[in-house]
């Protein structure tokens, strides 16, 4: 469980933060990352709720953006109840746990939880490779933040104890920051050659994010794709030069 981290994006109450810390200690996860938390995230309320998990609260790292919080991670699971067009495949907590332990133990894997009232924004979900949803009843589908985190961590612990790890012989997945740099390069390149609509480039790009998220790009594959975009950039630059010369004649 040492390679798993819990990321809370803009948690709004110290009680939830403390409760998440307590559950993390229960299930053997110690890496807590907070993105723009409430100012009193480590107040007496949080400390009382965390009880003996105060060390997790004290050592939680603070980040200004989710991208920064995920920079050293190889895989990120986004938790959401939003069944949008670009989120065709959802995993249950049990499936997410099995998938986690089918990866090399050297991979750092994040589970990302959004705001208590609004969850994760679309731009934040774009940074996640896979999505997890809890199959709650339609009459009241939204769960409390700390309860959701606890349920997911329980499944992770259960999968760990059951020995579901099959440690595939595969290359280590690329870090999130490198994959995101590749996507931003891809976005610029495909807009430049007019494959993507410059007014709404993310409409199609999100489909590529889902595709590559399912395949889990490794470092070599990211370099290959970066090379492809660079080659397209060069070809497009040469094409534009020739076009200017012809138009000048």
Protein backbone atom coordinates (compact mmCIF):
# COMPACT_ATOMS: atom_id res chain seq x y z
CA UNK A 1 0.00 0.00 0.00
CA UNK A 2 3.06 2.29 0.20
CA UNK A 3 2.75 3.23 -3.48
CA UNK A 4 -0.81 4.57 -3.09
CA UNK A 5 -1.65 8.18 -2.31
CA UNK A 6 -4.95 9.90 -1.52
CA UNK A 7 -5.53 13.31 -3.12
CA UNK A 8 -8.27 15.64 -1.85
CA UNK A 9 -9.07 18.57 -4.13
CA UNK A 10 -10.23 21.67 -2.26
CA UNK A 11 -11.74 19.87 0.76
CA UNK A 12 -14.10 22.31 2.43
CA UNK A 13 -14.25 21.00 5.97
CA UNK A 14 -11.62 19.97 8.53
CA UNK A 15 -13.81 17.15 9.88
CA UNK A 16 -13.76 15.35 6.53
CA UNK A 17 -9.99 15.80 6.25
CA UNK A 18 -9.49 14.34 9.73
CA UNK A 19 -11.85 11.45 8.98
CA UNK A 20 -9.95 10.61 5.78
CA UNK A 21 -6.69 10.57 7.76
CA UNK A 22 -8.20 8.13 10.26
CA UNK A 23 -9.35 5.80 7.47
CA UNK A 24 -5.94 6.01 5.81
CA UNK A 25 -4.34 4.83 9.04
CA UNK A 26 -6.94 2.04 9.33
CA UNK A 27 -6.07 0.67 5.90
CA UNK A 28 -2.32 1.29 5.78
CA UNK A 29 -2.06 4.32 3.44
CA UNK A 30 0.06 7.24 4.61
CA UNK A 31 0.53 9.59 1.64
CA UNK A 32 -2.10 12.37 1.79
CA UNK A 33 -2.01 15.26 -0.68
CA UNK A 34 -4.26 18.31 -0.34
CA UNK A 35 -4.99 20.69 -3.22
CA UNK A 36 -6.00 24.15 -1.97
CA UNK A 37 -7.65 22.87 1.21
CA UNK A 38 -9.74 25.00 3.57
CA UNK A 39 -7.55 27.19 5.77
CA UNK A 40 -8.50 25.26 8.92
CA UNK A 41 -7.82 21.83 7.42
CA UNK A 42 -5.50 20.97 10.36
CA UNK A 43 -7.58 22.60 13.08
CA UNK A 44 -8.55 21.02 16.40
CA UNK A 45 -11.67 19.57 14.74
CA UNK A 46 -9.53 17.71 12.21
CA UNK A 47 -7.08 16.54 14.87
CA UNK A 48 -9.90 15.18 17.05
CA UNK A 49 -11.42 13.36 14.08
CA UNK A 50 -8.06 11.91 13.02
CA UNK A 51 -7.33 10.60 16.53
CA UNK A 52 -4.17 8.46 16.32
CA UNK A 53 -3.75 9.33 12.61
CA UNK A 54 -2.49 12.82 13.46
CA UNK A 55 0.86 12.01 11.88
CA UNK A 56 -0.81 11.61 8.47
CA UNK A 57 -2.49 15.00 8.89
CA UNK A 58 0.77 16.63 9.99
CA UNK A 59 2.72 15.22 7.06
CA UNK A 60 0.09 15.94 4.40
CA UNK A 61 1.59 17.85 1.46
CA UNK A 62 -0.10 20.99 0.10
CA UNK A 63 -0.40 21.73 -3.62
CA UNK A 64 -1.80 24.63 -5.60
CA UNK A 65 -3.07 22.49 -8.50
CA UNK A 66 -4.06 18.88 -9.08
CA UNK A 67 -1.49 18.65 -11.86
CA UNK A 68 1.22 19.50 -9.34
CA UNK A 69 -0.12 16.96 -6.83
CA UNK A 70 -0.03 14.21 -9.47
CA UNK A 71 3.33 15.14 -11.00
CA UNK A 72 5.18 12.05 -9.69
CA UNK A 73 2.28 9.62 -10.14
CA UNK A 74 2.07 7.04 -12.91
CA UNK A 75 -1.68 6.42 -12.68
CA UNK A 76 -4.58 8.43 -11.29
CA UNK A 77 -8.12 7.27 -10.56
CA UNK A 78 -10.70 10.05 -10.52
CA UNK A 79 -13.79 9.51 -8.37
CA UNK A 80 -16.98 10.93 -9.84
CA UNK A 81 -20.73 10.55 -10.18
CA UNK A 82 -20.80 12.52 -13.44
CA UNK A 83 -21.72 10.17 -16.27
CA UNK A 84 -20.63 12.46 -19.10
CA UNK A 85 -20.01 11.76 -22.77
CA UNK A 86 -16.27 11.31 -22.27
CA UNK A 87 -16.51 8.93 -19.33
CA UNK A 88 -17.87 5.81 -20.98
CA UNK A 89 -16.15 3.26 -18.77
CA UNK A 90 -16.43 3.43 -15.00
CA UNK A 91 -14.84 1.06 -12.53
CA UNK A 92 -16.41 -0.03 -9.27
CA UNK A 93 -14.21 0.35 -6.17
CA UNK A 94 -13.55 -3.41 -6.25
CA UNK A 95 -12.53 -3.30 -9.93
CA UNK A 96 -10.31 -0.27 -9.30
CA UNK A 97 -8.58 -2.13 -6.46
CA UNK A 98 -7.95 -5.18 -8.65
CA UNK A 99 -6.59 -2.95 -11.40
CA UNK A 100 -4.32 -1.18 -8.91
CA UNK A 101 -2.73 -4.43 -7.77
CA UNK A 102 -2.23 -5.68 -11.32
CA UNK A 103 0.35 -2.91 -11.78
CA UNK A 104 4.06 -3.05 -10.88
CA UNK A 105 4.58 -2.19 -7.21
CA UNK A 106 7.01 0.57 -8.23
CA UNK A 107 4.16 2.58 -9.79
CA UNK A 108 2.81 5.46 -7.70
CA UNK A 109 -0.97 5.41 -7.92
CA UNK A 110 -3.31 8.21 -6.85
CA UNK A 111 -6.97 8.17 -5.92
CA UNK A 112 -8.42 11.64 -6.42
CA UNK A 113 -11.48 12.95 -4.59
CA UNK A 114 -13.23 16.23 -5.39
CA UNK A 115 -15.04 18.92 -3.48
CA UNK A 116 -17.83 17.95 -1.12
CA UNK A 117 -20.42 19.97 -3.04
CA UNK A 118 -19.23 19.90 -6.66
CA UNK A 119 -16.78 17.03 -7.03
CA UNK A 120 -14.02 17.25 -9.62
CA UNK A 121 -14.10 19.70 -12.51
CA UNK A 122 -13.89 18.36 -16.07
CA UNK A 123 -10.37 19.79 -16.42
CA UNK A 124 -9.34 17.87 -13.30
CA UNK A 125 -10.93 14.64 -14.52
CA UNK A 126 -8.89 15.11 -17.71
CA UNK A 127 -5.76 14.52 -15.61
CA UNK A 128 -7.06 11.13 -14.43
CA UNK A 129 -6.50 7.94 -16.40
CA UNK A 130 -9.47 5.95 -15.11
CA UNK A 131 -12.73 6.72 -13.31
CA UNK A 132 -14.26 5.14 -10.24
CA UNK A 133 -17.86 5.43 -9.16
CA UNK A 134 -19.71 3.91 -6.22
CA UNK A 135 -23.00 2.28 -7.25
CA UNK A 136 -25.27 4.15 -4.84
CA UNK A 137 -29.05 4.33 -4.98
CA UNK A 138 -30.49 6.83 -7.47
CA UNK A 139 -32.69 8.42 -4.79
CA UNK A 140 -29.58 9.83 -3.09
CA UNK A 141 -26.46 9.04 -5.15
CA UNK A 142 -24.00 11.50 -3.57
CA UNK A 143 -21.86 10.15 -0.73
CA UNK A 144 -19.94 11.99 1.96
CA UNK A 145 -16.30 12.58 1.02
CA UNK A 146 -14.75 10.66 3.91
CA UNK A 147 -17.22 7.78 3.53
CA UNK A 148 -16.38 7.46 -0.18
CA UNK A 149 -12.66 7.48 0.56
CA UNK A 150 -13.11 4.88 3.30
CA UNK A 151 -15.03 2.53 1.02
CA UNK A 152 -12.36 2.75 -1.67
CA UNK A 153 -9.53 2.21 0.78
CA UNK A 154 -11.32 -0.82 2.22
CA UNK A 155 -11.43 -2.39 -1.24
CA UNK A 156 -7.75 -1.59 -1.75
CA UNK A 157 -6.83 -3.21 1.55
CA UNK A 158 -9.00 -6.24 0.78
CA UNK A 159 -7.32 -6.69 -2.62
CA UNK A 160 -3.91 -6.33 -1.01
CA UNK A 161 -4.61 -8.99 1.60
CA UNK A 162 -6.15 -11.35 -0.94
CA UNK A 163 -2.94 -11.22 -2.96
CA UNK A 164 -4.61 -10.18 -6.18
CA UNK A 165 -1.36 -8.68 -7.43
CA UNK A 166 -0.24 -10.30 -10.67
CA UNK A 167 2.62 -7.85 -11.30
CA UNK A 168 2.65 -7.82 -15.04
CA UNK A 169 5.98 -7.86 -16.83
CA UNK A 170 5.59 -4.48 -18.47
CA UNK A 171 7.33 -1.17 -18.68
CA UNK A 172 6.72 1.31 -15.88
CA UNK A 173 3.92 3.71 -16.83
CA UNK A 174 4.96 7.28 -17.60
CA UNK A 175 4.49 9.90 -14.90
CA UNK A 176 1.41 12.08 -15.07
CA UNK A 177 3.41 15.27 -15.67
CA UNK A 178 5.13 13.73 -18.72
CA UNK A 179 1.85 12.44 -20.13
CA UNK A 180 0.23 15.84 -19.62
CA UNK A 181 3.13 17.59 -21.36
CA UNK A 182 2.62 15.19 -24.26
CA UNK A 183 -1.12 15.98 -24.38
CA UNK A 184 -0.46 19.72 -24.41
CA UNK A 185 2.03 19.27 -27.27
CA UNK A 186 -0.52 17.09 -29.07
CA UNK A 187 -3.18 19.76 -28.59
CA UNK A 188 -1.00 22.53 -30.06
CA UNK A 189 0.06 20.38 -33.01
CA UNK A 190 -3.41 19.15 -33.93
CA UNK A 191 -4.85 22.64 -33.67
CA UNK A 192 -2.07 23.93 -35.92
CA UNK A 193 -2.86 21.41 -38.67
CA UNK A 194 -6.59 22.10 -38.18
CA UNK A 195 -7.43 18.57 -37.06
CA UNK A 196 -8.85 19.99 -33.84
CA UNK A 197 -11.31 22.87 -33.81
CA UNK A 198 -9.35 25.81 -32.39
CA UNK A 199 -12.51 27.05 -30.64
CA UNK A 200 -13.10 23.77 -28.83
CA UNK A 201 -10.00 21.55 -29.16
CA UNK A 202 -10.72 19.55 -26.01
CA UNK A 203 -13.88 18.04 -27.52
CA UNK A 204 -11.89 15.46 -29.51
CA UNK A 205 -8.78 15.56 -27.34
CA UNK A 206 -10.73 14.05 -24.43
CA UNK A 207 -11.40 10.97 -26.52
CA UNK A 208 -7.63 10.58 -27.00
CA UNK A 209 -7.16 11.06 -23.25
CA UNK A 210 -9.56 8.19 -22.58
CA UNK A 211 -7.91 6.00 -25.21
CA UNK A 212 -4.38 6.52 -23.89
CA UNK A 213 -5.65 6.36 -20.30
CA UNK A 214 -6.93 2.83 -20.88
CA UNK A 215 -3.68 1.68 -22.50
CA UNK A 216 -1.43 3.24 -19.82
CA UNK A 217 1.41 4.78 -21.83
CA UNK A 218 4.91 3.97 -20.65
CA UNK A 219 7.86 6.36 -20.83
CA UNK A 220 9.08 5.08 -24.19
CA UNK A 221 5.61 5.40 -25.74
CA UNK A 222 5.32 8.99 -24.52
CA UNK A 223 8.69 9.80 -26.12
CA UNK A 224 7.54 8.20 -29.40
CA UNK A 225 4.37 10.29 -29.42
CA UNK A 226 6.31 13.44 -28.58
CA UNK A 227 8.56 12.66 -31.53
CA UNK A 228 5.52 12.25 -33.78
CA UNK A 229 4.09 15.64 -32.80
CA UNK A 230 7.51 17.25 -33.30
CA UNK A 231 7.78 15.71 -36.78
CA UNK A 232 4.29 16.95 -37.68
CA UNK A 233 5.27 20.41 -36.40
CA UNK A 234 8.31 20.39 -38.71
CA UNK A 235 6.32 19.17 -41.73
CA UNK A 236 3.64 21.79 -41.14
CA UNK A 237 6.29 24.49 -40.79
CA UNK A 238 7.83 23.48 -44.14
CA UNK A 239 4.39 23.38 -45.77
CA UNK A 240 3.66 26.91 -44.62
CA UNK A 241 7.02 28.16 -45.90
CA UNK A 242 6.30 26.70 -49.35
CA UNK A 243 2.83 28.18 -49.30
CA UNK A 244 4.23 31.65 -48.60
CA UNK A 245 6.75 31.32 -51.43
CA UNK A 246 4.04 30.27 -53.88
CA UNK A 247 1.73 33.07 -52.80
CA UNK A 248 4.53 35.61 -53.20
CA UNK A 249 5.04 34.69 -56.86
